[in-house]
mmCIF file of all heavy atoms, coordinates in Angstrom:
data_MODEL
# 
_entry.id   MODEL 
# 
loop_
_atom_site.group_PDB 
_atom_site.id 
_atom_site.type_symbol 
_atom_site.label_atom_id 
_atom_site.label_alt_id 
_atom_site.label_comp_id 
_atom_site.label_asym_id 
_atom_site.label_entity_id 
_atom_site.label_seq_id 
_atom_site.pdbx_PDB_ins_code 
_atom_site.Cartn_x 
_atom_site.Cartn_y 
_atom_site.Cartn_z 
_atom_site.occupancy 
_atom_site.B_iso_or_equiv 
_atom_site.pdbx_formal_charge 
_atom_site.auth_seq_id 
_atom_site.auth_comp_id 
_atom_site.auth_asym_id 
_atom_site.auth_atom_id 
_atom_site.pdbx_PDB_model_num 
ATOM 1   N N   . ALA A 1 1  ? -8.495  -6.927  -6.304  1.00 0.00 ? 1  ALA A N   1 
ATOM 2   C CA  . ALA A 1 1  ? -8.480  -8.005  -7.256  1.00 0.00 ? 1  ALA A CA  1 
ATOM 3   C C   . ALA A 1 1  ? -7.030  -8.661  -7.209  1.00 0.00 ? 1  ALA A C   1 
ATOM 4   O O   . ALA A 1 1  ? -7.098  -10.065 -7.205  1.00 0.00 ? 1  ALA A O   1 
ATOM 5   C CB  . ALA A 1 1  ? -8.648  -7.499  -8.602  1.00 0.00 ? 1  ALA A CB  1 
ATOM 6   N N   . PHE A 1 2  ? -6.078  -8.030  -7.013  1.00 0.00 ? 2  PHE A N   1 
ATOM 7   C CA  . PHE A 1 2  ? -4.683  -8.630  -6.711  1.00 0.00 ? 2  PHE A CA  1 
ATOM 8   C C   . PHE A 1 2  ? -4.820  -9.488  -5.410  1.00 0.00 ? 2  PHE A C   1 
ATOM 9   O O   . PHE A 1 2  ? -4.185  -10.589 -5.350  1.00 0.00 ? 2  PHE A O   1 
ATOM 10  C CB  . PHE A 1 2  ? -3.651  -7.569  -6.619  1.00 0.00 ? 2  PHE A CB  1 
ATOM 11  C CG  . PHE A 1 2  ? -3.036  -7.131  -7.960  1.00 0.00 ? 2  PHE A CG  1 
ATOM 12  C CD1 . PHE A 1 2  ? -3.067  -5.862  -8.372  1.00 0.00 ? 2  PHE A CD1 1 
ATOM 13  C CD2 . PHE A 1 2  ? -2.580  -8.180  -8.888  1.00 0.00 ? 2  PHE A CD2 1 
ATOM 14  C CE1 . PHE A 1 2  ? -2.445  -5.460  -9.528  1.00 0.00 ? 2  PHE A CE1 1 
ATOM 15  C CE2 . PHE A 1 2  ? -2.116  -7.788  -10.132 1.00 0.00 ? 2  PHE A CE2 1 
ATOM 16  C CZ  . PHE A 1 2  ? -1.980  -6.561  -10.457 1.00 0.00 ? 2  PHE A CZ  1 
ATOM 17  N N   . LYS A 1 3  ? -5.405  -8.898  -4.355  1.00 0.00 ? 3  LYS A N   1 
ATOM 18  C CA  . LYS A 1 3  ? -5.426  -9.721  -3.151  1.00 0.00 ? 3  LYS A CA  1 
ATOM 19  C C   . LYS A 1 3  ? -6.139  -10.938 -3.230  1.00 0.00 ? 3  LYS A C   1 
ATOM 20  O O   . LYS A 1 3  ? -5.907  -12.027 -2.803  1.00 0.00 ? 3  LYS A O   1 
ATOM 21  C CB  . LYS A 1 3  ? -6.064  -8.919  -1.995  1.00 0.00 ? 3  LYS A CB  1 
ATOM 22  C CG  . LYS A 1 3  ? -5.264  -7.765  -1.531  1.00 0.00 ? 3  LYS A CG  1 
ATOM 23  C CD  . LYS A 1 3  ? -4.035  -8.269  -0.749  1.00 0.00 ? 3  LYS A CD  1 
ATOM 24  C CE  . LYS A 1 3  ? -4.438  -9.021  0.454   1.00 0.00 ? 3  LYS A CE  1 
ATOM 25  N NZ  . LYS A 1 3  ? -3.137  -9.633  1.175   1.00 0.00 ? 3  LYS A NZ  1 
ATOM 26  N N   . ALA A 1 4  ? -7.296  -10.950 -4.060  1.00 0.00 ? 4  ALA A N   1 
ATOM 27  C CA  . ALA A 1 4  ? -8.144  -12.064 -4.398  1.00 0.00 ? 4  ALA A CA  1 
ATOM 28  C C   . ALA A 1 4  ? -7.245  -13.073 -5.108  1.00 0.00 ? 4  ALA A C   1 
ATOM 29  O O   . ALA A 1 4  ? -7.409  -14.359 -5.004  1.00 0.00 ? 4  ALA A O   1 
ATOM 30  C CB  . ALA A 1 4  ? -9.353  -11.727 -5.178  1.00 0.00 ? 4  ALA A CB  1 
ATOM 31  N N   . LEU A 1 5  ? -6.310  -12.612 -5.977  1.00 0.00 ? 5  LEU A N   1 
ATOM 32  C CA  . LEU A 1 5  ? -5.391  -13.549 -6.692  1.00 0.00 ? 5  LEU A CA  1 
ATOM 33  C C   . LEU A 1 5  ? -4.406  -14.228 -5.793  1.00 0.00 ? 5  LEU A C   1 
ATOM 34  O O   . LEU A 1 5  ? -4.104  -15.387 -6.093  1.00 0.00 ? 5  LEU A O   1 
ATOM 35  C CB  . LEU A 1 5  ? -4.660  -12.617 -7.831  1.00 0.00 ? 5  LEU A CB  1 
ATOM 36  C CG  . LEU A 1 5  ? -3.627  -13.408 -8.577  1.00 0.00 ? 5  LEU A CG  1 
ATOM 37  C CD1 . LEU A 1 5  ? -4.271  -14.460 -9.525  1.00 0.00 ? 5  LEU A CD1 1 
ATOM 38  C CD2 . LEU A 1 5  ? -2.852  -12.498 -9.516  1.00 0.00 ? 5  LEU A CD2 1 
ATOM 39  N N   . GLY A 1 6  ? -4.109  -13.582 -4.625  1.00 0.00 ? 6  GLY A N   1 
ATOM 40  C CA  . GLY A 1 6  ? -3.327  -14.366 -3.602  1.00 0.00 ? 6  GLY A CA  1 
ATOM 41  C C   . GLY A 1 6  ? -1.986  -13.685 -3.498  1.00 0.00 ? 6  GLY A C   1 
ATOM 42  O O   . GLY A 1 6  ? -1.114  -14.235 -2.793  1.00 0.00 ? 6  GLY A O   1 
ATOM 43  N N   . VAL A 1 7  ? -1.513  -12.637 -4.106  1.00 0.00 ? 7  VAL A N   1 
ATOM 44  C CA  . VAL A 1 7  ? -0.190  -11.962 -3.984  1.00 0.00 ? 7  VAL A CA  1 
ATOM 45  C C   . VAL A 1 7  ? -0.263  -11.046 -2.798  1.00 0.00 ? 7  VAL A C   1 
ATOM 46  O O   . VAL A 1 7  ? -1.276  -10.645 -2.275  1.00 0.00 ? 7  VAL A O   1 
ATOM 47  C CB  . VAL A 1 7  ? 0.157   -11.207 -5.226  1.00 0.00 ? 7  VAL A CB  1 
ATOM 48  C CG1 . VAL A 1 7  ? 0.031   -12.096 -6.508  1.00 0.00 ? 7  VAL A CG1 1 
ATOM 49  C CG2 . VAL A 1 7  ? -0.853  -10.038 -5.494  1.00 0.00 ? 7  VAL A CG2 1 
ATOM 50  N N   . TYR A 1 8  ? 0.931   -10.622 -2.309  1.00 0.00 ? 8  TYR A N   1 
ATOM 51  C CA  . TYR A 1 8  ? 1.111   -9.736  -1.323  1.00 0.00 ? 8  TYR A CA  1 
ATOM 52  C C   . TYR A 1 8  ? 1.248   -8.403  -1.952  1.00 0.00 ? 8  TYR A C   1 
ATOM 53  O O   . TYR A 1 8  ? 1.697   -8.149  -3.010  1.00 0.00 ? 8  TYR A O   1 
ATOM 54  C CB  . TYR A 1 8  ? 2.344   -10.104 -0.418  1.00 0.00 ? 8  TYR A CB  1 
ATOM 55  C CG  . TYR A 1 8  ? 2.080   -11.283 0.395   1.00 0.00 ? 8  TYR A CG  1 
ATOM 56  C CD1 . TYR A 1 8  ? 2.284   -12.538 0.003   1.00 0.00 ? 8  TYR A CD1 1 
ATOM 57  C CD2 . TYR A 1 8  ? 1.673   -11.034 1.800   1.00 0.00 ? 8  TYR A CD2 1 
ATOM 58  C CE1 . TYR A 1 8  ? 2.132   -13.682 0.796   1.00 0.00 ? 8  TYR A CE1 1 
ATOM 59  C CE2 . TYR A 1 8  ? 1.600   -12.193 2.568   1.00 0.00 ? 8  TYR A CE2 1 
ATOM 60  C CZ  . TYR A 1 8  ? 1.793   -13.497 2.050   1.00 0.00 ? 8  TYR A CZ  1 
ATOM 61  O OH  . TYR A 1 8  ? 1.512   -14.631 2.817   1.00 0.00 ? 8  TYR A OH  1 
ATOM 62  N N   . LEU A 1 9  ? 0.793   -7.305  -1.126  1.00 0.00 ? 9  LEU A N   1 
ATOM 63  C CA  . LEU A 1 9  ? 0.911   -5.980  -1.564  1.00 0.00 ? 9  LEU A CA  1 
ATOM 64  C C   . LEU A 1 9  ? 1.782   -5.154  -0.630  1.00 0.00 ? 9  LEU A C   1 
ATOM 65  O O   . LEU A 1 9  ? 1.571   -5.214  0.577   1.00 0.00 ? 9  LEU A O   1 
ATOM 66  C CB  . LEU A 1 9  ? -0.531  -5.249  -1.782  1.00 0.00 ? 9  LEU A CB  1 
ATOM 67  C CG  . LEU A 1 9  ? -1.448  -6.071  -2.730  1.00 0.00 ? 9  LEU A CG  1 
ATOM 68  C CD1 . LEU A 1 9  ? -2.818  -5.311  -2.690  1.00 0.00 ? 9  LEU A CD1 1 
ATOM 69  C CD2 . LEU A 1 9  ? -0.902  -5.904  -4.172  1.00 0.00 ? 9  LEU A CD2 1 
ATOM 70  N N   . ALA A 1 10 ? 2.673   -4.357  -1.154  1.00 0.00 ? 10 ALA A N   1 
ATOM 71  C CA  . ALA A 1 10 ? 3.633   -3.474  -0.400  1.00 0.00 ? 10 ALA A CA  1 
ATOM 72  C C   . ALA A 1 10 ? 3.490   -2.092  -0.851  1.00 0.00 ? 10 ALA A C   1 
ATOM 73  O O   . ALA A 1 10 ? 3.496   -1.763  -2.041  1.00 0.00 ? 10 ALA A O   1 
ATOM 74  C CB  . ALA A 1 10 ? 5.038   -4.042  -0.579  1.00 0.00 ? 10 ALA A CB  1 
ATOM 75  N N   . MET A 1 11 ? 3.602   -1.161  0.137   1.00 0.00 ? 11 MET A N   1 
ATOM 76  C CA  . MET A 1 11 ? 3.656   0.251   -0.040  1.00 0.00 ? 11 MET A CA  1 
ATOM 77  C C   . MET A 1 11 ? 5.116   0.627   -0.163  1.00 0.00 ? 11 MET A C   1 
ATOM 78  O O   . MET A 1 11 ? 5.842   0.649   0.944   1.00 0.00 ? 11 MET A O   1 
ATOM 79  C CB  . MET A 1 11 ? 2.828   1.039   0.977   1.00 0.00 ? 11 MET A CB  1 
ATOM 80  C CG  . MET A 1 11 ? 3.202   2.621   0.960   1.00 0.00 ? 11 MET A CG  1 
ATOM 81  S SD  . MET A 1 11 ? 2.506   3.368   -0.506  1.00 0.00 ? 11 MET A SD  1 
ATOM 82  C CE  . MET A 1 11 ? 0.755   3.521   0.101   1.00 0.00 ? 11 MET A CE  1 
ATOM 83  N N   . ASP A 1 12 ? 5.556   0.969   -1.275  1.00 0.00 ? 12 ASP A N   1 
ATOM 84  C CA  . ASP A 1 12 ? 7.116   1.323   -1.471  1.00 0.00 ? 12 ASP A CA  1 
ATOM 85  C C   . ASP A 1 12 ? 7.261   2.928   -1.205  1.00 0.00 ? 12 ASP A C   1 
ATOM 86  O O   . ASP A 1 12 ? 6.298   3.612   -1.292  1.00 0.00 ? 12 ASP A O   1 
ATOM 87  C CB  . ASP A 1 12 ? 7.423   1.039   -2.915  1.00 0.00 ? 12 ASP A CB  1 
ATOM 88  C CG  . ASP A 1 12 ? 8.852   0.895   -3.107  1.00 0.00 ? 12 ASP A CG  1 
ATOM 89  O OD1 . ASP A 1 12 ? 9.656   0.917   -2.070  1.00 0.00 ? 12 ASP A OD1 1 
ATOM 90  O OD2 . ASP A 1 12 ? 9.421   0.830   -4.268  1.00 0.00 ? 12 ASP A OD2 1 
ATOM 91  N N   . ASP A 1 13 ? 8.451   3.173   -0.716  1.00 0.00 ? 13 ASP A N   1 
ATOM 92  C CA  . ASP A 1 13 ? 8.876   4.557   -0.561  1.00 0.00 ? 13 ASP A CA  1 
ATOM 93  C C   . ASP A 1 13 ? 7.932   5.195   0.507   1.00 0.00 ? 13 ASP A C   1 
ATOM 94  O O   . ASP A 1 13 ? 7.712   6.516   0.236   1.00 0.00 ? 13 ASP A O   1 
ATOM 95  C CB  . ASP A 1 13 ? 8.824   5.339   -1.993  1.00 0.00 ? 13 ASP A CB  1 
ATOM 96  C CG  . ASP A 1 13 ? 9.782   4.765   -2.975  1.00 0.00 ? 13 ASP A CG  1 
ATOM 97  O OD1 . ASP A 1 13 ? 10.735  4.177   -2.476  1.00 0.00 ? 13 ASP A OD1 1 
ATOM 98  O OD2 . ASP A 1 13 ? 9.461   4.971   -4.152  1.00 0.00 ? 13 ASP A OD2 1 
ATOM 99  N N   . PHE A 1 14 ? 7.490   4.516   1.591   1.00 0.00 ? 14 PHE A N   1 
ATOM 100 C CA  . PHE A 1 14 ? 6.802   5.154   2.525   1.00 0.00 ? 14 PHE A CA  1 
ATOM 101 C C   . PHE A 1 14 ? 7.599   6.191   3.282   1.00 0.00 ? 14 PHE A C   1 
ATOM 102 O O   . PHE A 1 14 ? 8.604   5.920   3.667   1.00 0.00 ? 14 PHE A O   1 
ATOM 103 C CB  . PHE A 1 14 ? 6.131   4.023   3.455   1.00 0.00 ? 14 PHE A CB  1 
ATOM 104 C CG  . PHE A 1 14 ? 5.157   4.723   4.496   1.00 0.00 ? 14 PHE A CG  1 
ATOM 105 C CD1 . PHE A 1 14 ? 3.806   4.874   4.011   1.00 0.00 ? 14 PHE A CD1 1 
ATOM 106 C CD2 . PHE A 1 14 ? 5.504   5.031   5.703   1.00 0.00 ? 14 PHE A CD2 1 
ATOM 107 C CE1 . PHE A 1 14 ? 2.938   5.388   5.005   1.00 0.00 ? 14 PHE A CE1 1 
ATOM 108 C CE2 . PHE A 1 14 ? 4.568   5.535   6.548   1.00 0.00 ? 14 PHE A CE2 1 
ATOM 109 C CZ  . PHE A 1 14 ? 3.238   5.779   6.191   1.00 0.00 ? 14 PHE A CZ  1 
ATOM 110 N N   . GLY A 1 15 ? 6.890   7.434   3.453   1.00 0.00 ? 15 GLY A N   1 
ATOM 111 C CA  . GLY A 1 15 ? 7.615   8.450   4.132   1.00 0.00 ? 15 GLY A CA  1 
ATOM 112 C C   . GLY A 1 15 ? 8.012   9.585   3.225   1.00 0.00 ? 15 GLY A C   1 
ATOM 113 O O   . GLY A 1 15 ? 8.500   10.619  3.612   1.00 0.00 ? 15 GLY A O   1 
ATOM 114 N N   . THR A 1 16 ? 7.886   9.408   1.877   1.00 0.00 ? 16 THR A N   1 
ATOM 115 C CA  . THR A 1 16 ? 7.968   10.477  0.997   1.00 0.00 ? 16 THR A CA  1 
ATOM 116 C C   . THR A 1 16 ? 6.547   10.886  0.417   1.00 0.00 ? 16 THR A C   1 
ATOM 117 O O   . THR A 1 16 ? 5.638   10.209  0.677   1.00 0.00 ? 16 THR A O   1 
ATOM 118 C CB  . THR A 1 16 ? 8.834   9.989   -0.197  1.00 0.00 ? 16 THR A CB  1 
ATOM 119 O OG1 . THR A 1 16 ? 8.103   8.879   -0.925  1.00 0.00 ? 16 THR A OG1 1 
ATOM 120 C CG2 . THR A 1 16 ? 10.217  9.500   0.244   1.00 0.00 ? 16 THR A CG2 1 
ATOM 121 N N   . GLY A 1 17 ? 6.570   11.970  -0.427  1.00 0.00 ? 17 GLY A N   1 
ATOM 122 C CA  . GLY A 1 17 ? 5.325   12.477  -0.883  1.00 0.00 ? 17 GLY A CA  1 
ATOM 123 C C   . GLY A 1 17 ? 4.355   12.837  0.160   1.00 0.00 ? 17 GLY A C   1 
ATOM 124 O O   . GLY A 1 17 ? 4.690   13.353  1.182   1.00 0.00 ? 17 GLY A O   1 
ATOM 125 N N   . TYR A 1 18 ? 3.123   12.453  -0.075  1.00 0.00 ? 18 TYR A N   1 
ATOM 126 C CA  . TYR A 1 18 ? 2.074   12.756  0.819   1.00 0.00 ? 18 TYR A CA  1 
ATOM 127 C C   . TYR A 1 18 ? 2.001   11.799  2.016   1.00 0.00 ? 18 TYR A C   1 
ATOM 128 O O   . TYR A 1 18 ? 1.741   12.016  3.067   1.00 0.00 ? 18 TYR A O   1 
ATOM 129 C CB  . TYR A 1 18 ? 0.783   12.631  0.116   1.00 0.00 ? 18 TYR A CB  1 
ATOM 130 C CG  . TYR A 1 18 ? 0.532   13.718  -0.803  1.00 0.00 ? 18 TYR A CG  1 
ATOM 131 C CD1 . TYR A 1 18 ? 0.727   13.504  -2.264  1.00 0.00 ? 18 TYR A CD1 1 
ATOM 132 C CD2 . TYR A 1 18 ? 0.088   14.964  -0.570  1.00 0.00 ? 18 TYR A CD2 1 
ATOM 133 C CE1 . TYR A 1 18 ? 0.746   14.426  -3.248  1.00 0.00 ? 18 TYR A CE1 1 
ATOM 134 C CE2 . TYR A 1 18 ? 0.048   15.973  -1.537  1.00 0.00 ? 18 TYR A CE2 1 
ATOM 135 C CZ  . TYR A 1 18 ? 0.252   15.718  -2.915  1.00 0.00 ? 18 TYR A CZ  1 
ATOM 136 O OH  . TYR A 1 18 ? 0.126   16.655  -3.789  1.00 0.00 ? 18 TYR A OH  1 
ATOM 137 N N   . SER A 1 19 ? 2.257   10.366  1.742   1.00 0.00 ? 19 SER A N   1 
ATOM 138 C CA  . SER A 1 19 ? 2.269   9.272   2.821   1.00 0.00 ? 19 SER A CA  1 
ATOM 139 C C   . SER A 1 19 ? 1.103   9.454   3.750   1.00 0.00 ? 19 SER A C   1 
ATOM 140 O O   . SER A 1 19 ? 1.225   9.559   4.848   1.00 0.00 ? 19 SER A O   1 
ATOM 141 C CB  . SER A 1 19 ? 3.534   9.505   3.656   1.00 0.00 ? 19 SER A CB  1 
ATOM 142 O OG  . SER A 1 19 ? 4.714   9.262   2.791   1.00 0.00 ? 19 SER A OG  1 
ATOM 143 N N   . SER A 1 20 ? -0.118  9.550   3.054   1.00 0.00 ? 20 SER A N   1 
ATOM 144 C CA  . SER A 1 20 ? -1.307  9.705   3.859   1.00 0.00 ? 20 SER A CA  1 
ATOM 145 C C   . SER A 1 20 ? -1.532  8.410   4.703   1.00 0.00 ? 20 SER A C   1 
ATOM 146 O O   . SER A 1 20 ? -1.393  7.323   4.260   1.00 0.00 ? 20 SER A O   1 
ATOM 147 C CB  . SER A 1 20 ? -2.450  9.894   2.947   1.00 0.00 ? 20 SER A CB  1 
ATOM 148 O OG  . SER A 1 20 ? -3.677  9.819   3.718   1.00 0.00 ? 20 SER A OG  1 
ATOM 149 N N   . LEU A 1 21 ? -1.869  8.595   6.081   1.00 0.00 ? 21 LEU A N   1 
ATOM 150 C CA  . LEU A 1 21 ? -2.085  7.407   6.816   1.00 0.00 ? 21 LEU A CA  1 
ATOM 151 C C   . LEU A 1 21 ? -3.307  6.690   6.444   1.00 0.00 ? 21 LEU A C   1 
ATOM 152 O O   . LEU A 1 21 ? -3.541  5.642   6.815   1.00 0.00 ? 21 LEU A O   1 
ATOM 153 C CB  . LEU A 1 21 ? -2.077  7.969   8.305   1.00 0.00 ? 21 LEU A CB  1 
ATOM 154 C CG  . LEU A 1 21 ? -0.735  8.480   8.937   1.00 0.00 ? 21 LEU A CG  1 
ATOM 155 C CD1 . LEU A 1 21 ? -0.896  8.879   10.324  1.00 0.00 ? 21 LEU A CD1 1 
ATOM 156 C CD2 . LEU A 1 21 ? 0.379   7.492   8.595   1.00 0.00 ? 21 LEU A CD2 1 
ATOM 157 N N   . SER A 1 22 ? -4.169  7.551   5.815   1.00 0.00 ? 22 SER A N   1 
ATOM 158 C CA  . SER A 1 22 ? -5.358  6.905   5.333   1.00 0.00 ? 22 SER A CA  1 
ATOM 159 C C   . SER A 1 22 ? -5.208  5.764   4.471   1.00 0.00 ? 22 SER A C   1 
ATOM 160 O O   . SER A 1 22 ? -6.079  4.730   4.311   1.00 0.00 ? 22 SER A O   1 
ATOM 161 C CB  . SER A 1 22 ? -6.379  7.908   4.674   1.00 0.00 ? 22 SER A CB  1 
ATOM 162 O OG  . SER A 1 22 ? -5.765  8.426   3.570   1.00 0.00 ? 22 SER A OG  1 
ATOM 163 N N   . TYR A 1 23 ? -4.008  5.782   3.717   1.00 0.00 ? 23 TYR A N   1 
ATOM 164 C CA  . TYR A 1 23 ? -3.792  4.628   2.674   1.00 0.00 ? 23 TYR A CA  1 
ATOM 165 C C   . TYR A 1 23 ? -3.624  3.439   3.483   1.00 0.00 ? 23 TYR A C   1 
ATOM 166 O O   . TYR A 1 23 ? -4.072  2.292   3.003   1.00 0.00 ? 23 TYR A O   1 
ATOM 167 C CB  . TYR A 1 23 ? -2.465  5.009   1.989   1.00 0.00 ? 23 TYR A CB  1 
ATOM 168 C CG  . TYR A 1 23 ? -2.509  6.214   1.115   1.00 0.00 ? 23 TYR A CG  1 
ATOM 169 C CD1 . TYR A 1 23 ? -1.346  6.908   0.842   1.00 0.00 ? 23 TYR A CD1 1 
ATOM 170 C CD2 . TYR A 1 23 ? -3.697  6.682   0.610   1.00 0.00 ? 23 TYR A CD2 1 
ATOM 171 C CE1 . TYR A 1 23 ? -1.292  7.992   -0.027  1.00 0.00 ? 23 TYR A CE1 1 
ATOM 172 C CE2 . TYR A 1 23 ? -3.650  7.783   -0.191  1.00 0.00 ? 23 TYR A CE2 1 
ATOM 173 C CZ  . TYR A 1 23 ? -2.432  8.467   -0.522  1.00 0.00 ? 23 TYR A CZ  1 
ATOM 174 O OH  . TYR A 1 23 ? -2.384  9.438   -1.341  1.00 0.00 ? 23 TYR A OH  1 
ATOM 175 N N   . LEU A 1 24 ? -3.078  3.569   4.659   1.00 0.00 ? 24 LEU A N   1 
ATOM 176 C CA  . LEU A 1 24 ? -2.813  2.195   5.450   1.00 0.00 ? 24 LEU A CA  1 
ATOM 177 C C   . LEU A 1 24 ? -4.088  1.591   5.924   1.00 0.00 ? 24 LEU A C   1 
ATOM 178 O O   . LEU A 1 24 ? -4.178  0.355   6.098   1.00 0.00 ? 24 LEU A O   1 
ATOM 179 C CB  . LEU A 1 24 ? -1.969  2.424   6.571   1.00 0.00 ? 24 LEU A CB  1 
ATOM 180 C CG  . LEU A 1 24 ? -0.503  3.196   6.314   1.00 0.00 ? 24 LEU A CG  1 
ATOM 181 C CD1 . LEU A 1 24 ? 0.272   3.363   7.580   1.00 0.00 ? 24 LEU A CD1 1 
ATOM 182 C CD2 . LEU A 1 24 ? 0.259   2.404   5.238   1.00 0.00 ? 24 LEU A CD2 1 
ATOM 183 N N   . HIS A 1 25 ? -5.162  2.460   6.136   1.00 0.00 ? 25 HIS A N   1 
ATOM 184 C CA  . HIS A 1 25 ? -6.361  1.930   6.609   1.00 0.00 ? 25 HIS A CA  1 
ATOM 185 C C   . HIS A 1 25 ? -7.335  1.592   5.528   1.00 0.00 ? 25 HIS A C   1 
ATOM 186 O O   . HIS A 1 25 ? -8.070  0.453   5.595   1.00 0.00 ? 25 HIS A O   1 
ATOM 187 C CB  . HIS A 1 25 ? -7.030  2.972   7.434   1.00 0.00 ? 25 HIS A CB  1 
ATOM 188 C CG  . HIS A 1 25 ? -8.454  2.691   7.821   1.00 0.00 ? 25 HIS A CG  1 
ATOM 189 N ND1 . HIS A 1 25 ? -8.823  1.731   8.791   1.00 0.00 ? 25 HIS A ND1 1 
ATOM 190 C CD2 . HIS A 1 25 ? -9.758  3.298   7.378   1.00 0.00 ? 25 HIS A CD2 1 
ATOM 191 C CE1 . HIS A 1 25 ? -10.027 1.700   8.787   1.00 0.00 ? 25 HIS A CE1 1 
ATOM 192 N NE2 . HIS A 1 25 ? -10.626 2.611   8.014   1.00 0.00 ? 25 HIS A NE2 1 
# 
């Protein structure tokens, strides 16, 4: 819904926690 609004989305703190590569896909 945010993408449909037109904003950009960023994954913050990548490399900490689980950092599952499936998120990126």
